[in-house]
N, C-alpha and C. Protein backbone atom coordinates (compact mmCIF):
# COMPACT_ATOMS: atom_id res chain seq x y z
N MET A 1 -43.93 -134.56 123.44
CA MET A 1 -43.42 -133.92 122.25
C MET A 1 -43.74 -132.43 122.29
N ILE A 2 -42.87 -131.66 121.74
CA ILE A 2 -43.03 -130.21 121.70
C ILE A 2 -43.20 -129.76 120.25
N VAL A 3 -44.20 -128.93 120.03
CA VAL A 3 -44.41 -128.33 118.71
C VAL A 3 -43.72 -126.98 118.73
N LYS A 4 -42.74 -126.80 117.87
CA LYS A 4 -42.01 -125.53 117.81
C LYS A 4 -42.38 -124.80 116.53
N THR A 5 -42.49 -123.47 116.64
CA THR A 5 -42.78 -122.67 115.46
C THR A 5 -41.55 -121.87 115.07
N LYS A 6 -41.57 -121.39 113.84
CA LYS A 6 -40.56 -120.44 113.41
C LYS A 6 -40.91 -119.09 114.03
N LYS A 7 -39.98 -118.17 114.02
CA LYS A 7 -40.27 -116.83 114.50
C LYS A 7 -41.18 -116.13 113.51
N PHE A 8 -42.27 -115.56 114.00
CA PHE A 8 -43.18 -114.83 113.12
C PHE A 8 -43.87 -113.73 113.92
N GLN A 9 -44.58 -112.88 113.19
CA GLN A 9 -45.20 -111.70 113.79
C GLN A 9 -46.69 -111.70 113.50
N PHE A 10 -47.49 -111.41 114.53
CA PHE A 10 -48.93 -111.24 114.41
C PHE A 10 -49.16 -109.79 114.02
N THR A 11 -49.70 -109.54 112.82
CA THR A 11 -49.83 -108.16 112.36
C THR A 11 -51.01 -107.46 113.01
N LYS A 12 -50.94 -106.15 113.04
CA LYS A 12 -52.01 -105.34 113.63
C LYS A 12 -53.31 -105.49 112.84
N ASP A 13 -53.21 -105.60 111.53
CA ASP A 13 -54.41 -105.78 110.70
C ASP A 13 -55.09 -107.11 111.00
N GLN A 14 -54.29 -108.17 111.17
CA GLN A 14 -54.86 -109.48 111.52
C GLN A 14 -55.56 -109.40 112.87
N TYR A 15 -54.92 -108.73 113.83
CA TYR A 15 -55.50 -108.60 115.16
C TYR A 15 -56.86 -107.91 115.09
N ILE A 16 -56.93 -106.78 114.38
CA ILE A 16 -58.18 -106.02 114.30
C ILE A 16 -59.26 -106.87 113.63
N LYS A 17 -58.90 -107.57 112.57
CA LYS A 17 -59.87 -108.42 111.86
C LYS A 17 -60.42 -109.50 112.78
N PHE A 18 -59.53 -110.24 113.45
CA PHE A 18 -59.99 -111.31 114.33
C PHE A 18 -60.79 -110.77 115.51
N ALA A 19 -60.39 -109.64 116.06
CA ALA A 19 -61.10 -109.05 117.19
C ALA A 19 -62.51 -108.62 116.79
N MET A 20 -62.64 -107.98 115.63
CA MET A 20 -63.96 -107.55 115.16
C MET A 20 -64.87 -108.77 114.91
N LEU A 21 -64.34 -109.81 114.30
CA LEU A 21 -65.14 -111.01 114.07
C LEU A 21 -65.52 -111.69 115.38
N ASN A 22 -64.62 -111.69 116.35
CA ASN A 22 -64.90 -112.30 117.64
C ASN A 22 -65.99 -111.53 118.39
N ILE A 23 -65.93 -110.21 118.35
CA ILE A 23 -66.95 -109.40 119.02
C ILE A 23 -68.31 -109.62 118.36
N ALA A 24 -68.34 -109.69 117.04
CA ALA A 24 -69.61 -109.94 116.34
C ALA A 24 -70.21 -111.28 116.76
N ARG A 25 -69.34 -112.27 116.99
CA ARG A 25 -69.82 -113.58 117.41
C ARG A 25 -70.20 -113.61 118.89
N GLU A 26 -69.35 -113.06 119.74
CA GLU A 26 -69.58 -113.10 121.19
C GLU A 26 -70.79 -112.26 121.61
N TRP A 27 -70.94 -111.11 120.99
CA TRP A 27 -72.02 -110.19 121.36
C TRP A 27 -73.10 -110.20 120.29
N TRP A 28 -73.52 -111.38 119.87
CA TRP A 28 -74.52 -111.54 118.83
C TRP A 28 -75.81 -110.82 119.17
N TRP A 29 -76.14 -110.77 120.44
CA TRP A 29 -77.40 -110.16 120.87
C TRP A 29 -77.44 -108.66 120.61
N ALA A 30 -76.30 -108.00 120.47
CA ALA A 30 -76.28 -106.56 120.18
C ALA A 30 -76.88 -106.27 118.80
N TRP A 31 -76.85 -107.24 117.92
CA TRP A 31 -77.42 -107.05 116.58
C TRP A 31 -78.95 -107.07 116.62
N LEU A 32 -79.53 -107.47 117.75
CA LEU A 32 -80.99 -107.46 117.88
C LEU A 32 -81.54 -106.05 118.06
N VAL A 33 -80.74 -105.13 118.56
CA VAL A 33 -81.20 -103.75 118.78
C VAL A 33 -81.57 -103.08 117.46
N PRO A 34 -80.69 -103.07 116.44
CA PRO A 34 -81.12 -102.48 115.17
C PRO A 34 -82.31 -103.22 114.55
N ALA A 35 -82.37 -104.53 114.74
CA ALA A 35 -83.52 -105.28 114.23
C ALA A 35 -84.80 -104.84 114.92
N ALA A 36 -84.74 -104.58 116.22
CA ALA A 36 -85.91 -104.10 116.96
C ALA A 36 -86.32 -102.71 116.48
N VAL A 37 -85.34 -101.88 116.19
CA VAL A 37 -85.65 -100.53 115.69
C VAL A 37 -86.36 -100.63 114.34
N MET A 38 -86.00 -101.61 113.55
CA MET A 38 -86.64 -101.79 112.25
C MET A 38 -88.10 -102.23 112.38
N LEU A 39 -88.49 -102.71 113.55
CA LEU A 39 -89.87 -103.12 113.77
C LEU A 39 -90.79 -101.96 114.15
N ILE A 40 -90.24 -100.79 114.41
CA ILE A 40 -91.04 -99.63 114.81
C ILE A 40 -92.13 -99.30 113.79
N PRO A 41 -91.86 -99.36 112.47
CA PRO A 41 -92.92 -99.03 111.50
C PRO A 41 -94.14 -99.95 111.57
N VAL A 42 -93.98 -101.13 112.16
CA VAL A 42 -95.13 -102.03 112.31
C VAL A 42 -96.17 -101.38 113.24
N PHE A 43 -95.70 -100.67 114.26
CA PHE A 43 -96.59 -100.08 115.25
C PHE A 43 -96.92 -98.62 114.95
N TYR A 44 -96.01 -97.90 114.34
CA TYR A 44 -96.20 -96.49 114.03
C TYR A 44 -96.01 -96.29 112.53
N LYS A 45 -97.07 -95.93 111.86
CA LYS A 45 -97.00 -95.71 110.41
C LYS A 45 -96.12 -94.50 110.10
N ASP A 46 -95.62 -94.41 108.91
CA ASP A 46 -94.82 -93.28 108.41
C ASP A 46 -93.49 -93.10 109.15
N THR A 47 -92.95 -94.15 109.75
CA THR A 47 -91.64 -94.03 110.42
C THR A 47 -90.59 -94.93 109.78
N LEU A 48 -90.90 -95.46 108.62
CA LEU A 48 -89.99 -96.39 107.95
C LEU A 48 -88.63 -95.74 107.67
N GLY A 49 -88.63 -94.54 107.12
CA GLY A 49 -87.38 -93.85 106.79
C GLY A 49 -86.53 -93.60 108.02
N TRP A 50 -87.17 -93.13 109.09
CA TRP A 50 -86.43 -92.85 110.33
C TRP A 50 -85.90 -94.13 110.98
N SER A 51 -86.69 -95.18 110.96
CA SER A 51 -86.23 -96.42 111.59
C SER A 51 -85.04 -97.02 110.84
N ILE A 52 -85.07 -96.95 109.51
CA ILE A 52 -83.92 -97.44 108.74
C ILE A 52 -82.69 -96.61 109.04
N PHE A 53 -82.84 -95.29 109.07
CA PHE A 53 -81.73 -94.40 109.37
C PHE A 53 -81.15 -94.68 110.76
N ILE A 54 -82.01 -94.81 111.75
CA ILE A 54 -81.55 -95.06 113.13
C ILE A 54 -80.88 -96.43 113.23
N ALA A 55 -81.45 -97.45 112.59
CA ALA A 55 -80.86 -98.79 112.64
C ALA A 55 -79.47 -98.79 112.00
N LEU A 56 -79.33 -98.15 110.84
CA LEU A 56 -78.02 -98.07 110.19
C LEU A 56 -77.03 -97.26 111.01
N LEU A 57 -77.51 -96.20 111.63
CA LEU A 57 -76.65 -95.38 112.49
C LEU A 57 -76.16 -96.19 113.69
N LEU A 58 -77.04 -96.96 114.30
CA LEU A 58 -76.64 -97.80 115.44
C LEU A 58 -75.58 -98.83 115.03
N VAL A 59 -75.78 -99.46 113.88
CA VAL A 59 -74.81 -100.44 113.40
C VAL A 59 -73.46 -99.77 113.14
N ALA A 60 -73.49 -98.61 112.48
CA ALA A 60 -72.24 -97.90 112.17
C ALA A 60 -71.52 -97.46 113.44
N LEU A 61 -72.27 -96.94 114.41
CA LEU A 61 -71.65 -96.50 115.67
C LEU A 61 -71.09 -97.68 116.46
N TYR A 62 -71.80 -98.79 116.47
CA TYR A 62 -71.34 -99.99 117.16
C TYR A 62 -70.02 -100.49 116.56
N LEU A 63 -69.98 -100.61 115.23
CA LEU A 63 -68.77 -101.08 114.56
C LEU A 63 -67.62 -100.08 114.73
N LEU A 64 -67.91 -98.81 114.64
CA LEU A 64 -66.89 -97.79 114.82
C LEU A 64 -66.31 -97.80 116.23
N PHE A 65 -67.19 -97.97 117.23
CA PHE A 65 -66.73 -98.04 118.62
C PHE A 65 -65.71 -99.16 118.80
N TRP A 66 -66.04 -100.37 118.34
CA TRP A 66 -65.14 -101.50 118.52
C TRP A 66 -63.88 -101.37 117.67
N PHE A 67 -64.02 -100.82 116.47
CA PHE A 67 -62.85 -100.62 115.61
C PHE A 67 -61.86 -99.66 116.29
N ILE A 68 -62.37 -98.59 116.88
CA ILE A 68 -61.50 -97.64 117.59
C ILE A 68 -60.84 -98.32 118.80
N GLN A 69 -61.59 -99.12 119.53
CA GLN A 69 -61.03 -99.83 120.69
C GLN A 69 -59.88 -100.74 120.28
N PHE A 70 -60.08 -101.54 119.25
CA PHE A 70 -59.06 -102.50 118.84
C PHE A 70 -57.88 -101.83 118.17
N THR A 71 -58.12 -100.75 117.46
CA THR A 71 -57.01 -99.99 116.88
C THR A 71 -56.17 -99.37 117.99
N ALA A 72 -56.82 -98.89 119.04
CA ALA A 72 -56.10 -98.30 120.17
C ALA A 72 -55.24 -99.35 120.88
N VAL A 73 -55.74 -100.57 120.98
CA VAL A 73 -54.97 -101.64 121.63
C VAL A 73 -53.65 -101.85 120.90
N THR A 74 -53.67 -101.75 119.57
CA THR A 74 -52.44 -101.96 118.81
C THR A 74 -51.42 -100.86 119.04
N GLN A 75 -51.85 -99.71 119.56
CA GLN A 75 -50.95 -98.57 119.79
C GLN A 75 -50.40 -98.54 121.22
N LEU A 76 -51.00 -99.29 122.14
CA LEU A 76 -50.58 -99.26 123.54
C LEU A 76 -49.21 -99.88 123.75
N GLU A 77 -48.47 -99.33 124.68
CA GLU A 77 -47.15 -99.85 125.03
C GLU A 77 -47.26 -101.26 125.62
N GLN A 78 -48.33 -101.51 126.40
CA GLN A 78 -48.52 -102.82 127.02
C GLN A 78 -48.75 -103.92 125.98
N SER A 79 -49.27 -103.56 124.81
CA SER A 79 -49.56 -104.54 123.77
C SER A 79 -48.43 -104.70 122.77
N LYS A 80 -47.36 -103.98 122.96
CA LYS A 80 -46.25 -104.00 122.01
C LYS A 80 -45.70 -105.41 121.81
N LEU A 81 -45.60 -106.19 122.87
CA LEU A 81 -45.06 -107.54 122.78
C LEU A 81 -45.90 -108.44 121.87
N LEU A 82 -47.19 -108.21 121.84
CA LEU A 82 -48.09 -109.01 121.03
C LEU A 82 -47.76 -108.93 119.54
N PHE A 83 -47.20 -107.81 119.11
CA PHE A 83 -46.95 -107.59 117.68
C PHE A 83 -45.47 -107.66 117.31
N GLU A 84 -44.66 -108.28 118.16
CA GLU A 84 -43.24 -108.49 117.86
C GLU A 84 -43.05 -109.87 117.24
N ARG A 85 -41.89 -110.06 116.64
CA ARG A 85 -41.56 -111.39 116.09
C ARG A 85 -41.24 -112.33 117.26
N LEU A 86 -42.05 -113.37 117.39
CA LEU A 86 -41.91 -114.31 118.50
C LEU A 86 -41.86 -115.74 117.98
N ARG A 87 -41.34 -116.60 118.82
CA ARG A 87 -41.28 -118.03 118.55
C ARG A 87 -42.08 -118.72 119.65
N TYR A 88 -42.77 -119.79 119.31
CA TYR A 88 -43.61 -120.48 120.29
C TYR A 88 -43.21 -121.93 120.41
N GLU A 89 -43.32 -122.46 121.63
CA GLU A 89 -43.11 -123.88 121.89
C GLU A 89 -44.35 -124.38 122.61
N ILE A 90 -45.06 -125.30 121.98
CA ILE A 90 -46.35 -125.77 122.48
C ILE A 90 -46.23 -127.23 122.85
N ASP A 91 -46.64 -127.54 124.09
CA ASP A 91 -46.71 -128.95 124.49
C ASP A 91 -47.98 -129.13 125.32
N SER A 92 -48.17 -130.30 125.89
CA SER A 92 -49.41 -130.59 126.62
C SER A 92 -49.48 -129.88 127.97
N ARG A 93 -48.37 -129.30 128.44
CA ARG A 93 -48.38 -128.59 129.72
C ARG A 93 -48.70 -127.11 129.58
N ASN A 94 -48.13 -126.46 128.54
CA ASN A 94 -48.32 -125.02 128.38
C ASN A 94 -47.83 -124.56 127.01
N ILE A 95 -47.95 -123.25 126.80
CA ILE A 95 -47.42 -122.62 125.58
C ILE A 95 -46.34 -121.65 126.02
N ARG A 96 -45.13 -121.84 125.52
CA ARG A 96 -44.04 -120.94 125.85
C ARG A 96 -43.86 -119.95 124.71
N VAL A 97 -43.94 -118.68 125.06
CA VAL A 97 -43.76 -117.60 124.08
C VAL A 97 -42.35 -117.09 124.27
N MET A 98 -41.52 -117.21 123.23
CA MET A 98 -40.11 -116.88 123.35
C MET A 98 -39.75 -115.68 122.47
N LYS A 99 -39.24 -114.63 123.13
CA LYS A 99 -38.75 -113.47 122.39
C LYS A 99 -37.38 -113.79 121.80
N ASN A 100 -36.56 -114.45 122.60
CA ASN A 100 -35.27 -114.98 122.15
C ASN A 100 -35.01 -116.23 122.99
N ASP A 101 -33.80 -116.76 122.97
CA ASP A 101 -33.54 -118.01 123.69
C ASP A 101 -33.63 -117.87 125.20
N LYS A 102 -33.47 -116.66 125.73
CA LYS A 102 -33.47 -116.46 127.18
C LYS A 102 -34.70 -115.72 127.70
N GLU A 103 -35.37 -114.96 126.86
CA GLU A 103 -36.53 -114.18 127.29
C GLU A 103 -37.82 -114.79 126.75
N GLY A 104 -38.83 -114.83 127.62
CA GLY A 104 -40.12 -115.33 127.21
C GLY A 104 -41.05 -115.46 128.40
N PHE A 105 -42.22 -115.97 128.14
CA PHE A 105 -43.18 -116.20 129.21
C PHE A 105 -44.05 -117.39 128.84
N ILE A 106 -44.85 -117.84 129.81
CA ILE A 106 -45.65 -119.04 129.64
C ILE A 106 -47.13 -118.68 129.68
N ILE A 107 -47.88 -119.31 128.80
CA ILE A 107 -49.34 -119.21 128.82
C ILE A 107 -49.87 -120.59 129.18
N GLU A 108 -50.62 -120.67 130.25
CA GLU A 108 -51.19 -121.94 130.69
C GLU A 108 -52.41 -122.29 129.82
N TRP A 109 -52.71 -123.56 129.68
CA TRP A 109 -53.83 -123.99 128.86
C TRP A 109 -55.17 -123.51 129.40
N ASN A 110 -55.26 -123.31 130.71
CA ASN A 110 -56.55 -122.87 131.27
C ASN A 110 -56.87 -121.42 130.90
N LYS A 111 -55.93 -120.69 130.32
CA LYS A 111 -56.16 -119.32 129.86
C LYS A 111 -56.79 -119.29 128.46
N ILE A 112 -56.74 -120.42 127.75
CA ILE A 112 -57.26 -120.50 126.39
C ILE A 112 -58.75 -120.85 126.46
N LEU A 113 -59.60 -119.99 125.88
CA LEU A 113 -61.04 -120.25 125.86
C LEU A 113 -61.41 -121.28 124.80
N ARG A 114 -60.87 -121.08 123.59
CA ARG A 114 -61.15 -122.02 122.50
C ARG A 114 -60.10 -121.82 121.41
N VAL A 115 -60.04 -122.78 120.51
CA VAL A 115 -59.14 -122.70 119.37
C VAL A 115 -59.96 -122.98 118.12
N GLU A 116 -59.83 -122.10 117.14
CA GLU A 116 -60.55 -122.26 115.88
C GLU A 116 -59.54 -122.64 114.79
N LYS A 117 -59.90 -123.65 114.03
CA LYS A 117 -59.06 -124.05 112.90
C LYS A 117 -59.56 -123.29 111.67
N LYS A 118 -58.75 -122.36 111.20
CA LYS A 118 -59.09 -121.53 110.05
C LYS A 118 -58.48 -122.13 108.78
N LYS A 119 -58.76 -121.51 107.63
CA LYS A 119 -58.19 -121.99 106.37
C LYS A 119 -56.68 -121.88 106.36
N LYS A 120 -56.15 -120.83 106.98
CA LYS A 120 -54.71 -120.57 106.91
C LYS A 120 -53.97 -120.77 108.22
N GLY A 121 -54.67 -121.19 109.29
CA GLY A 121 -53.97 -121.39 110.55
C GLY A 121 -54.91 -121.63 111.72
N PHE A 122 -54.32 -121.65 112.92
CA PHE A 122 -55.06 -121.84 114.16
C PHE A 122 -55.20 -120.49 114.86
N LEU A 123 -56.40 -120.19 115.36
CA LEU A 123 -56.65 -118.98 116.13
C LEU A 123 -56.96 -119.39 117.56
N PHE A 124 -56.07 -119.03 118.49
CA PHE A 124 -56.26 -119.31 119.91
C PHE A 124 -56.93 -118.08 120.52
N VAL A 125 -58.10 -118.25 121.11
CA VAL A 125 -58.84 -117.14 121.72
C VAL A 125 -58.62 -117.18 123.22
N LEU A 126 -57.99 -116.11 123.75
CA LEU A 126 -57.74 -116.02 125.18
C LEU A 126 -58.82 -115.20 125.88
N SER A 127 -59.38 -114.21 125.20
CA SER A 127 -60.48 -113.41 125.70
C SER A 127 -61.13 -112.73 124.51
N LYS A 128 -62.05 -111.81 124.78
CA LYS A 128 -62.72 -111.12 123.67
C LYS A 128 -61.75 -110.32 122.83
N ALA A 129 -60.62 -109.95 123.40
CA ALA A 129 -59.69 -109.08 122.67
C ALA A 129 -58.25 -109.59 122.71
N GLN A 130 -58.02 -110.82 123.10
CA GLN A 130 -56.67 -111.37 123.13
C GLN A 130 -56.63 -112.67 122.32
N PHE A 131 -55.67 -112.72 121.39
CA PHE A 131 -55.58 -113.84 120.48
C PHE A 131 -54.14 -114.24 120.26
N LEU A 132 -53.97 -115.49 119.89
CA LEU A 132 -52.72 -115.98 119.31
C LEU A 132 -53.11 -116.59 117.99
N TYR A 133 -52.37 -116.27 116.93
CA TYR A 133 -52.68 -116.81 115.62
C TYR A 133 -51.44 -117.50 115.08
N PHE A 134 -51.62 -118.75 114.67
CA PHE A 134 -50.53 -119.56 114.15
C PHE A 134 -50.83 -119.97 112.72
N PRO A 135 -50.28 -119.28 111.72
CA PRO A 135 -50.45 -119.73 110.33
C PRO A 135 -49.78 -121.09 110.16
N TYR A 136 -50.30 -121.90 109.26
CA TYR A 136 -49.75 -123.24 109.07
C TYR A 136 -48.29 -123.22 108.64
N ASP A 137 -47.87 -122.17 107.93
CA ASP A 137 -46.50 -122.15 107.41
C ASP A 137 -45.44 -121.85 108.46
N VAL A 138 -45.83 -121.54 109.72
CA VAL A 138 -44.82 -121.30 110.76
C VAL A 138 -44.42 -122.60 111.46
N PHE A 139 -45.16 -123.67 111.21
CA PHE A 139 -44.82 -124.96 111.82
C PHE A 139 -43.74 -125.64 111.01
N GLN A 140 -43.07 -126.59 111.62
CA GLN A 140 -41.95 -127.27 110.99
C GLN A 140 -42.39 -128.49 110.18
N GLY A 141 -43.59 -128.43 109.64
CA GLY A 141 -44.07 -129.52 108.80
C GLY A 141 -45.48 -129.96 109.18
N GLU A 142 -46.00 -130.83 108.34
CA GLU A 142 -47.36 -131.34 108.54
C GLU A 142 -47.48 -132.15 109.84
N GLN A 143 -46.41 -132.82 110.22
CA GLN A 143 -46.40 -133.61 111.45
C GLN A 143 -46.61 -132.71 112.68
N SER A 144 -46.02 -131.53 112.68
CA SER A 144 -46.18 -130.58 113.79
C SER A 144 -47.62 -130.09 113.88
N VAL A 145 -48.25 -129.85 112.74
CA VAL A 145 -49.64 -129.40 112.72
C VAL A 145 -50.55 -130.50 113.28
N LYS A 146 -50.30 -131.73 112.88
CA LYS A 146 -51.11 -132.86 113.38
C LYS A 146 -50.91 -133.06 114.88
N LEU A 147 -49.67 -132.90 115.36
CA LEU A 147 -49.40 -133.02 116.79
C LEU A 147 -50.13 -131.94 117.57
N LEU A 148 -50.09 -130.71 117.07
CA LEU A 148 -50.81 -129.61 117.73
C LEU A 148 -52.31 -129.90 117.75
N GLU A 149 -52.84 -130.38 116.66
CA GLU A 149 -54.26 -130.70 116.60
C GLU A 149 -54.61 -131.79 117.62
N THR A 150 -53.75 -132.77 117.77
CA THR A 150 -53.96 -133.83 118.77
C THR A 150 -53.97 -133.26 120.18
N ILE A 151 -53.03 -132.37 120.47
CA ILE A 151 -52.98 -131.74 121.79
C ILE A 151 -54.27 -130.96 122.04
N LEU A 152 -54.72 -130.21 121.05
CA LEU A 152 -55.93 -129.40 121.19
C LEU A 152 -57.17 -130.27 121.39
N LYS A 153 -57.22 -131.39 120.71
CA LYS A 153 -58.36 -132.30 120.88
C LYS A 153 -58.36 -132.90 122.28
N ARG A 154 -57.19 -133.26 122.77
CA ARG A 154 -57.10 -133.81 124.14
C ARG A 154 -57.50 -132.78 125.18
N LYS A 155 -57.18 -131.53 124.92
CA LYS A 155 -57.53 -130.44 125.85
C LYS A 155 -58.98 -130.00 125.66
N ASN A 156 -59.66 -130.55 124.63
CA ASN A 156 -61.04 -130.21 124.30
C ASN A 156 -61.20 -128.72 124.01
N LEU A 157 -60.23 -128.15 123.30
CA LEU A 157 -60.26 -126.73 122.97
C LEU A 157 -60.60 -126.45 121.51
N LEU A 158 -60.45 -127.43 120.66
CA LEU A 158 -60.65 -127.24 119.23
C LEU A 158 -62.15 -127.14 118.92
N VAL A 159 -62.57 -125.99 118.37
CA VAL A 159 -63.97 -125.76 118.04
C VAL A 159 -64.39 -126.76 116.97
N GLY A 160 -65.55 -127.36 117.16
CA GLY A 160 -66.05 -128.33 116.19
C GLY A 160 -65.67 -129.75 116.52
N TYR A 161 -64.79 -129.93 117.48
CA TYR A 161 -64.39 -131.27 117.88
C TYR A 161 -64.98 -131.54 119.26
N LYS A 162 -65.74 -132.60 119.38
CA LYS A 162 -66.32 -132.99 120.67
C LYS A 162 -65.60 -134.23 121.18
N LYS A 163 -65.17 -134.14 122.42
CA LYS A 163 -64.50 -135.29 123.03
C LYS A 163 -65.52 -136.42 123.19
N ALA A 164 -65.10 -137.62 122.88
CA ALA A 164 -65.98 -138.77 123.01
C ALA A 164 -66.37 -138.95 124.47
N VAL A 165 -67.64 -139.21 124.70
CA VAL A 165 -68.14 -139.41 126.06
C VAL A 165 -67.73 -140.80 126.51
N GLU A 166 -67.08 -140.84 127.65
CA GLU A 166 -66.64 -142.13 128.18
C GLU A 166 -67.80 -142.79 128.92
N PRO A 167 -67.98 -144.08 128.72
CA PRO A 167 -69.10 -144.76 129.40
C PRO A 167 -68.86 -144.80 130.90
N ALA A 168 -69.95 -144.66 131.63
CA ALA A 168 -69.86 -144.69 133.10
C ALA A 168 -69.61 -146.11 133.56
N THR A 169 -68.73 -146.23 134.55
CA THR A 169 -68.44 -147.56 135.08
C THR A 169 -69.22 -147.77 136.36
N ALA A 170 -69.71 -148.97 136.58
CA ALA A 170 -70.53 -149.25 137.75
C ALA A 170 -69.71 -149.76 138.89
């Protein structure tokens, strides 16, 4: 069975939001640096004000750096296709991204790192900065959403879903 979507567009604002949240999750250890800076007053008295200032500055610079990176991606010519109105056909073999009936390309399942089920749709994570987002309203009904969820569970890509361990045979 093939899950087909309506034609829809992934907005630049959605992309930046998901990318920033993904970086915060993937690079969780970067948040330890400002925390370590906040520990300086434990060893050196009278540095509380400076350590707070430096920690906040590091956080602001870190967030600004990634925000600029992701905003720039939305402006690149190579990324233009990502933000066009596209139609998708999803089955157990691959994901077909269709610009029109004759133009498109294929994304293999091994390129997908994970899939997150959000309140308003599915977020397919291809890398730290590449995503596919499918709002529930682009599917052709509840049956299509359930079929997609079944495919994702079989591929063991759906976050929060663990494939049942098969007993070893002797």
